Amino acid sequence: MDETPETEPAQVRALRRLVTALTLTMIAGVVVVATALVIRLGATAPALPDSIALPGGARAVAFTQGPDWYAVTTDDDRILIFDRATGELRQEIAVE
């Protein structure tokens, strides 16, 4: 018996190419996300102050920082903004 190879239909060929393209796109996406995570997690954290002297015996509840300042939210509903270079109180904001 003479067996001839069957040719695949055009739709199956197109579907195979589409699946291959989507697979390559997903692999590239995973590589990009992994690279971004490695870059972000490998970055050095900003330096924190050694100590912060809060006025009036206030207790710190939260801390945040910017490029040249850091802020402390206190338990008596104030936000104290300090200068990063000098450590001096730059601004005090009462939260109502």
C-alpha atoms as a PDB file:
ATOM      1  CA  MET A   1       0.000   0.000   0.000  1.00  0.00           C
ATOM      2  CA  ASP A   2       1.203   3.392  -0.924  1.00  0.00           C
ATOM      3  CA  GLU A   3       0.968   5.825   2.015  1.00  0.00           C
ATOM      4  CA  THR A   4       1.219   9.520   1.282  1.00  0.00           C
ATOM      5  CA  PRO A   5       1.696  12.033   4.078  1.00  0.00           C
ATOM      6  CA  GLU A   6      -1.371  14.116   4.749  1.00  0.00           C
ATOM      7  CA  THR A   7      -1.024  17.868   4.627  1.00  0.00           C
ATOM      8  CA  GLU A   8      -2.493  19.733   7.558  1.00  0.00           C
ATOM      9  CA  PRO A   9      -5.278  22.223   6.966  1.00  0.00           C
ATOM     10  CA  ALA A  10      -4.453  25.920   6.869  1.00  0.00           C
ATOM     11  CA  GLN A  11      -6.481  26.580  10.030  1.00  0.00           C
ATOM     12  CA  VAL A  12      -4.436  24.082  12.048  1.00  0.00           C
ATOM     13  CA  ARG A  13      -1.202  25.581  10.753  1.00  0.00           C
ATOM     14  CA  ALA A  14      -2.386  29.097  11.701  1.00  0.00           C
ATOM     15  CA  LEU A  15      -3.448  27.883  15.133  1.00  0.00           C
ATOM     16  CA  ARG A  16      -0.040  26.271  15.736  1.00  0.00           C
ATOM     17  CA  ARG A  17       1.717  29.531  14.806  1.00  0.00           C
ATOM     18  CA  LEU A  18      -0.598  31.527  17.070  1.00  0.00           C
ATOM     19  CA  VAL A  19       0.043  29.207  20.023  1.00  0.00           C
ATOM     20  CA  THR A  20       3.803  29.420  19.422  1.00  0.00           C
ATOM     21  CA  ALA A  21       3.675  33.242  19.276  1.00  0.00           C
ATOM     22  CA  LEU A  22       1.634  33.427  22.485  1.00  0.00           C
ATOM     23  CA  THR A  23       4.037  31.051  24.240  1.00  0.00           C
ATOM     24  CA  LEU A  24       7.022  33.192  23.255  1.00  0.00           C
ATOM     25  CA  THR A  25       5.170  36.333  24.405  1.00  0.00           C
ATOM     26  CA  MET A  26       4.440  34.778  27.803  1.00  0.00           C
ATOM     27  CA  ILE A  27       8.049  33.678  28.226  1.00  0.00           C
ATOM     28  CA  ALA A  28       9.255  37.185  27.384  1.00  0.00           C
ATOM     29  CA  GLY A  29       6.766  38.659  29.877  1.00  0.00           C
ATOM     30  CA  VAL A  30       7.957  36.392  32.674  1.00  0.00           C
ATOM     31  CA  VAL A  31      11.576  37.327  31.931  1.00  0.00           C
ATOM     32  CA  VAL A  32      10.718  41.061  32.015  1.00  0.00           C
ATOM     33  CA  VAL A  33       8.829  40.760  35.331  1.00  0.00           C
ATOM     34  CA  ALA A  34      11.615  38.699  36.906  1.00  0.00           C
ATOM     35  CA  THR A  35      14.227  41.221  35.746  1.00  0.00           C
ATOM     36  CA  ALA A  36      12.195  44.127  37.144  1.00  0.00           C
ATOM     37  CA  LEU A  37      11.886  42.348  40.498  1.00  0.00           C
ATOM     38  CA  VAL A  38      15.605  41.660  40.677  1.00  0.00           C
ATOM     39  CA  ILE A  39      16.410  45.291  39.874  1.00  0.00           C
ATOM     40  CA  ARG A  40      13.902  46.685  42.401  1.00  0.00           C
ATOM     41  CA  LEU A  41      14.769  44.278  45.216  1.00  0.00           C
ATOM     42  CA  GLY A  42      18.496  44.755  44.692  1.00  0.00           C
ATOM     43  CA  ALA A  43      18.309  48.530  45.118  1.00  0.00           C
ATOM     44  CA  THR A  44      19.690  49.985  48.338  1.00  0.00           C
ATOM     45  CA  ALA A  45      17.158  51.250  50.838  1.00  0.00           C
ATOM     46  CA  PRO A  46      17.303  54.900  51.914  1.00  0.00           C
ATOM     47  CA  ALA A  47      19.175  55.519  55.147  1.00  0.00           C
ATOM     48  CA  LEU A  48      17.050  55.834  58.261  1.00  0.00           C
ATOM     49  CA  PRO A  49      17.888  58.270  61.039  1.00  0.00           C
ATOM     50  CA  ASP A  50      19.582  56.737  64.091  1.00  0.00           C
ATOM     51  CA  SER A  51      17.163  58.389  66.505  1.00  0.00           C
ATOM     52  CA  ILE A  52      14.336  60.909  66.386  1.00  0.00           C
ATOM     53  CA  ALA A  53      13.641  63.271  69.287  1.00  0.00           C
ATOM     54  CA  LEU A  54       9.884  63.828  69.389  1.00  0.00           C
ATOM     55  CA  PRO A  55       8.694  67.004  71.136  1.00  0.00           C
ATOM     56  CA  GLY A  56       6.344  66.922  74.110  1.00  0.00           C
ATOM     57  CA  GLY A  57       6.720  63.242  74.936  1.00  0.00           C
ATOM     58  CA  ALA A  58       4.721  62.150  71.898  1.00  0.00           C
ATOM     59  CA  ARG A  59       4.814  58.528  70.776  1.00  0.00           C
ATOM     60  CA  ALA A  60       5.430  57.596  67.140  1.00  0.00           C
ATOM     61  CA  VAL A  61       2.668  55.739  65.331  1.00  0.00           C
ATOM     62  CA  ALA A  62       3.889  55.834  61.699  1.00  0.00           C
ATOM     63  CA  PHE A  63       6.969  56.868  59.749  1.00  0.00           C
ATOM     64  CA  THR A  64       7.495  57.900  56.124  1.00  0.00           C
ATOM     65  CA  GLN A  65      10.255  59.647  54.221  1.00  0.00           C
ATOM     66  CA  GLY A  66      11.026  61.693  51.151  1.00  0.00           C
ATOM     67  CA  PRO A  67      14.282  62.615  49.448  1.00  0.00           C
ATOM     68  CA  ASP A  68      15.260  65.366  51.927  1.00  0.00           C
ATOM     69  CA  TRP A  69      12.754  64.913  54.775  1.00  0.00           C
ATOM     70  CA  TYR A  70      11.091  62.314  56.950  1.00  0.00           C
ATOM     71  CA  ALA A  71       7.784  62.485  58.792  1.00  0.00           C
ATOM     72  CA  VAL A  72       6.472  60.924  61.975  1.00  0.00           C
ATOM     73  CA  THR A  73       2.793  60.592  62.807  1.00  0.00           C
ATOM     74  CA  THR A  74       2.248  60.742  66.564  1.00  0.00           C
ATOM     75  CA  ASP A  75      -0.398  59.269  68.856  1.00  0.00           C
ATOM     76  CA  ASP A  76      -1.724  62.771  69.646  1.00  0.00           C
ATOM     77  CA  ASP A  77      -2.781  63.310  65.984  1.00  0.00           C
ATOM     78  CA  ARG A  78       0.146  65.361  64.721  1.00  0.00           C
ATOM     79  CA  ILE A  79       2.428  64.929  61.733  1.00  0.00           C
ATOM     80  CA  LEU A  80       5.975  66.067  62.446  1.00  0.00           C
ATOM     81  CA  ILE A  81       8.171  66.695  59.405  1.00  0.00           C
ATOM     82  CA  PHE A  82      11.914  66.707  60.007  1.00  0.00           C
ATOM     83  CA  ASP A  83      14.819  67.811  57.814  1.00  0.00           C
ATOM     84  CA  ARG A  84      16.882  64.772  56.798  1.00  0.00           C
ATOM     85  CA  ALA A  85      20.255  66.584  56.840  1.00  0.00           C
ATOM     86  CA  THR A  86      19.945  68.350  60.196  1.00  0.00           C
ATOM     87  CA  GLY A  87      17.261  66.329  62.002  1.00  0.00           C
ATOM     88  CA  GLU A  88      15.485  69.552  62.975  1.00  0.00           C
ATOM     89  CA  LEU A  89      11.701  69.853  63.030  1.00  0.00           C
ATOM     90  CA  ARG A  90      10.725  71.533  59.788  1.00  0.00           C
ATOM     91  CA  GLN A  91       6.917  71.541  60.067  1.00  0.00           C
ATOM     92  CA  GLU A  92       4.169  70.392  62.392  1.00  0.00           C
ATOM     93  CA  ILE A  93       0.699  69.586  61.091  1.00  0.00           C
ATOM     94  CA  ALA A  94      -2.290  68.981  63.366  1.00  0.00           C
ATOM     95  CA  VAL A  95      -4.671  66.291  62.097  1.00  0.00           C
ATOM     96  CA  GLU A  96      -8.295  66.979  62.951  1.00  0.00           C
END
